[in-house]
Amino acid sequence: MNEYIALKEKHQKEVNEFPFGFAFSQDQFEKMMEKFGLTVNDTDKIFSIGGGGYIKRTDADAFHEMMERQEEERKAAVLADKTGSKYIYQMWSYELANHEFGYTEELEDTLDACGYTLEEVLENKALRAGLNKALKKYGSYYCV
């Protein structure tokens, strides 16, 4: 079982079930507000989360709590992998593939997706070991 993918899927399910609204035009905004049970003039009752996304102000605390809890769960999974051979390796392997490292041999997008800088990886033995193991999977001569 891939622990990284399982946690990503759990978090995605929670996000998918959260009552978001998205609007990129006036018509979409009106439909979103109607879905929220609001009028188009009730803009003081919604909160922008960026990227065209909105939540009701009454859901803001629950949204922030969900985001913080998910971040804590990701951190806990990394901390629990003392050698970098399970969750951390799975994280790097997944994100290297997702960001086409096999073609680009560029680490920056993968590091960004995982929320780390190269300096942070170099300072953490488990993160470094997991990344090097994942890089070997690609036959890469690149090593950190």
Protein backbone atom coordinates (compact mmCIF):
# COMPACT_ATOMS: atom_id res chain seq x y z
CA MET A 1 0.00 0.00 0.00
CA ASN A 2 1.30 3.41 -0.95
CA GLU A 3 0.91 5.57 2.17
CA TYR A 4 1.55 8.80 0.26
CA ILE A 5 -1.16 8.16 -2.30
CA ALA A 6 -3.58 7.00 0.42
CA LEU A 7 -3.08 10.25 2.35
CA LYS A 8 -3.38 12.36 -0.83
CA GLU A 9 -6.62 10.59 -1.73
CA LYS A 10 -8.00 11.03 1.81
CA HIS A 11 -7.22 14.75 1.72
CA GLN A 12 -8.63 15.15 -1.79
CA LYS A 13 -11.87 13.45 -0.73
CA GLU A 14 -12.19 15.89 2.18
CA VAL A 15 -11.59 18.85 -0.13
CA ASN A 16 -14.06 17.51 -2.70
CA GLU A 17 -16.73 17.21 0.01
CA PHE A 18 -16.16 20.74 1.32
CA PRO A 19 -18.82 23.28 0.23
CA PHE A 20 -16.76 25.38 -2.17
CA GLY A 21 -18.07 27.55 -4.95
CA PHE A 22 -16.20 28.64 -8.05
CA ALA A 23 -17.01 31.49 -10.37
CA PHE A 24 -15.18 32.87 -13.39
CA SER A 25 -18.01 34.92 -14.86
CA GLN A 26 -20.99 36.89 -13.60
CA ASP A 27 -23.35 34.05 -14.56
CA GLN A 28 -21.26 31.52 -12.62
CA PHE A 29 -21.08 33.90 -9.66
CA GLU A 30 -24.87 34.24 -9.60
CA LYS A 31 -25.33 30.45 -9.76
CA MET A 32 -22.74 29.93 -7.02
CA MET A 33 -24.44 32.45 -4.74
CA GLU A 34 -27.79 30.75 -5.39
CA LYS A 35 -26.21 27.38 -4.52
CA PHE A 36 -24.98 28.97 -1.27
CA GLY A 37 -28.54 30.17 -0.55
CA LEU A 38 -27.48 33.80 -0.92
CA THR A 39 -28.30 36.70 -3.21
CA VAL A 40 -25.67 38.30 -5.45
CA ASN A 41 -25.66 41.25 -3.05
CA ASP A 42 -24.65 39.07 -0.08
CA THR A 43 -20.95 39.40 -0.87
CA ASP A 44 -20.23 40.14 2.80
CA LYS A 45 -21.26 36.54 3.53
CA ILE A 46 -18.63 34.89 1.34
CA PHE A 47 -14.87 34.61 1.53
CA SER A 48 -12.51 34.35 -1.44
CA ILE A 49 -9.92 31.57 -1.26
CA GLY A 50 -8.27 32.70 -4.51
CA GLY A 51 -8.30 31.17 -7.96
CA GLY A 52 -11.99 31.91 -8.44
CA GLY A 53 -12.91 29.89 -5.35
CA TYR A 54 -15.23 30.99 -2.57
CA ILE A 55 -16.59 29.67 0.69
CA LYS A 56 -19.29 31.00 2.94
CA ARG A 57 -17.89 33.03 5.83
CA THR A 58 -19.66 30.66 8.18
CA ASP A 59 -17.44 27.85 6.79
CA ALA A 60 -14.16 29.78 7.08
CA ASP A 61 -13.10 28.27 10.42
CA ALA A 62 -13.86 24.73 9.22
CA PHE A 63 -11.89 25.39 6.02
CA HIS A 64 -8.84 26.67 7.88
CA GLU A 65 -9.04 23.81 10.38
CA MET A 66 -9.16 21.27 7.53
CA MET A 67 -6.15 22.83 5.80
CA GLU A 68 -4.13 22.97 9.04
CA ARG A 69 -5.02 19.40 9.99
CA GLN A 70 -4.06 18.11 6.56
CA GLU A 71 -0.71 19.88 6.79
CA GLU A 72 -0.13 18.38 10.24
CA GLU A 73 -0.98 14.91 8.91
CA ARG A 74 1.54 15.31 6.07
CA LYS A 75 4.22 16.48 8.52
CA ALA A 76 3.48 13.58 10.88
CA ALA A 77 3.80 11.07 8.05
CA VAL A 78 7.21 12.49 7.12
CA LEU A 79 8.38 12.51 10.74
CA ALA A 80 7.24 8.90 11.23
CA ASP A 81 9.46 7.73 8.34
CA LYS A 82 12.81 7.82 10.12
CA THR A 83 14.78 6.24 7.25
CA GLY A 84 13.03 7.83 4.28
CA SER A 85 12.24 4.43 2.82
CA LYS A 86 8.42 4.40 3.09
CA TYR A 87 6.22 7.50 3.03
CA ILE A 88 9.06 9.85 2.08
CA TYR A 89 10.27 7.61 -0.74
CA GLN A 90 6.68 7.20 -1.97
CA MET A 91 6.19 10.98 -1.84
CA TRP A 92 9.30 11.70 -3.88
CA SER A 93 8.61 8.88 -6.37
CA TYR A 94 5.06 10.05 -6.96
CA GLU A 95 5.94 13.71 -7.34
CA LEU A 96 9.01 13.06 -9.51
CA ALA A 97 6.76 11.14 -11.91
CA ASN A 98 3.97 13.72 -11.64
CA HIS A 99 6.40 16.50 -12.56
CA GLU A 100 8.05 14.50 -15.37
CA PHE A 101 11.50 14.31 -13.83
CA GLY A 102 12.33 11.47 -16.22
CA TYR A 103 12.14 13.95 -19.09
CA THR A 104 13.21 17.21 -17.52
CA GLU A 105 15.62 16.10 -14.78
CA GLU A 106 14.48 19.28 -12.99
CA LEU A 107 13.86 18.93 -9.25
CA GLU A 108 12.38 22.35 -8.52
CA ASP A 109 8.74 21.51 -9.33
CA THR A 110 8.93 18.30 -7.30
CA LEU A 111 10.45 20.10 -4.33
CA ASP A 112 7.74 22.78 -4.54
CA ALA A 113 4.96 20.18 -4.75
CA CYS A 114 6.28 18.48 -1.61
CA GLY A 115 6.75 21.79 0.21
CA TYR A 116 10.52 21.63 0.64
CA THR A 117 13.55 23.57 -0.48
CA LEU A 118 16.70 21.79 -1.54
CA GLU A 119 18.40 23.17 1.57
CA GLU A 120 15.74 21.58 3.81
CA VAL A 121 16.19 18.24 2.06
CA LEU A 122 19.96 18.40 2.45
CA GLU A 123 19.59 19.08 6.19
CA ASN A 124 17.23 16.14 6.80
CA LYS A 125 18.73 12.64 6.47
CA ALA A 126 15.39 10.90 5.90
CA LEU A 127 14.22 13.38 3.24
CA ARG A 128 17.59 13.14 1.54
CA ALA A 129 17.72 9.32 1.65
CA GLY A 130 14.18 9.00 0.30
CA LEU A 131 14.85 11.43 -2.53
CA ASN A 132 18.09 9.69 -3.50
CA LYS A 133 16.30 6.32 -3.51
CA ALA A 134 13.56 7.76 -5.73
CA LEU A 135 16.11 9.35 -8.06
CA LYS A 136 17.84 5.98 -8.49
CA LYS A 137 14.51 4.56 -9.64
CA TYR A 138 14.87 6.84 -12.65
CA GLY A 139 18.45 5.76 -13.25
CA SER A 140 19.37 9.35 -12.60
CA TYR A 141 22.96 10.26 -11.91
CA TYR A 142 21.56 13.21 -10.00
CA CYS A 143 21.94 12.75 -6.27
CA VAL A 144 21.50 15.11 -3.34
